Amino acid sequence: MNERIKELATLATRQYSPTYYTQEWIQGFAELIVRECVGIVAKRKDQAIEDSWNVDEAMSLAEMDLEEHFGVES
């Protein structure tokens, strides 16, 4: 498992529920992952606007950023 996912699981445990896999913990963990993804996509969007990229190029790079960030292979 990617280190960042482990960190987010620990953070979810501290913020939402001390017990894994409760509804509160699952929802909190998912929210943390989504927030992180939104931040990554927003960073690429801002760069795309600044550098006048097309949407396809920006989204392809955001996809690669997300895969790399979370250690997922496509």
Protein backbone atom coordinates (compact mmCIF):
# COMPACT_ATOMS: atom_id res chain seq x y z
CA MET A 1 0.00 0.00 0.00
CA ASN A 2 1.21 3.49 -0.85
CA GLU A 3 2.61 5.50 2.09
CA ARG A 4 0.19 8.38 1.47
CA ILE A 5 -2.82 6.03 1.70
CA LYS A 6 -1.47 4.73 5.03
CA GLU A 7 -1.08 8.32 6.24
CA LEU A 8 -4.66 9.15 5.22
CA ALA A 9 -5.95 6.02 6.99
CA THR A 10 -4.14 7.12 10.17
CA LEU A 11 -5.53 10.63 9.80
CA ALA A 12 -9.05 9.23 9.35
CA THR A 13 -8.57 7.23 12.54
CA ARG A 14 -7.55 10.36 14.45
CA GLN A 15 -10.24 12.64 12.98
CA TYR A 16 -13.27 10.42 12.50
CA SER A 17 -13.24 7.14 14.40
CA PRO A 18 -10.67 5.17 16.42
CA THR A 19 -12.04 1.96 14.89
CA TYR A 20 -11.38 1.03 11.28
CA TYR A 21 -14.24 0.23 8.96
CA THR A 22 -17.02 1.92 10.89
CA GLN A 23 -19.34 3.95 8.69
CA GLU A 24 -17.88 7.16 10.13
CA TRP A 25 -14.29 6.03 9.47
CA ILE A 26 -15.02 4.86 5.91
CA GLN A 27 -16.77 8.13 5.08
CA GLY A 28 -13.94 10.18 6.61
CA PHE A 29 -11.24 8.18 4.84
CA ALA A 30 -13.02 8.55 1.51
CA GLU A 31 -13.42 12.29 2.09
CA LEU A 32 -9.70 12.68 2.74
CA ILE A 33 -8.86 10.82 -0.47
CA VAL A 34 -11.30 12.90 -2.51
CA ARG A 35 -9.95 16.15 -1.04
CA GLU A 36 -6.43 15.09 -1.96
CA CYS A 37 -7.54 14.22 -5.53
CA VAL A 38 -9.32 17.56 -5.91
CA GLY A 39 -6.15 19.34 -4.85
CA ILE A 40 -4.06 17.48 -7.42
CA VAL A 41 -6.54 18.16 -10.23
CA ALA A 42 -6.86 21.83 -9.22
CA LYS A 43 -3.08 22.23 -9.37
CA ARG A 44 -3.01 20.81 -12.92
CA LYS A 45 -5.99 22.97 -13.92
CA ASP A 46 -4.23 26.11 -12.75
CA GLN A 47 -1.06 25.09 -14.59
CA ALA A 48 -3.09 24.33 -17.75
CA ILE A 49 -4.72 27.76 -17.68
CA GLU A 50 -1.40 29.48 -17.08
CA ASP A 51 0.38 27.54 -19.86
CA SER A 52 -2.58 27.53 -22.31
CA TRP A 53 -2.84 23.74 -22.49
CA ASN A 54 -5.83 22.01 -24.03
CA VAL A 55 -8.19 20.04 -21.79
CA ASP A 56 -7.02 16.63 -23.01
CA GLU A 57 -3.42 17.40 -22.19
CA ALA A 58 -4.26 18.75 -18.74
CA MET A 59 -6.50 15.79 -17.85
CA SER A 60 -3.93 13.25 -19.06
CA LEU A 61 -1.32 14.84 -16.82
CA ALA A 62 -3.74 14.99 -13.88
CA GLU A 63 -4.48 11.28 -14.38
CA MET A 64 -0.77 10.46 -14.27
CA ASP A 65 -0.31 12.68 -11.20
CA LEU A 66 -3.09 10.83 -9.34
CA GLU A 67 -1.71 7.41 -10.25
CA GLU A 68 1.79 8.41 -9.15
CA HIS A 69 0.59 10.12 -5.97
CA PHE A 70 -1.34 7.08 -4.78
CA GLY A 71 1.02 4.46 -6.22
CA VAL A 72 -1.56 3.01 -8.60
CA GLU A 73 -0.53 1.45 -11.88
CA SER A 74 -2.89 1.64 -14.85
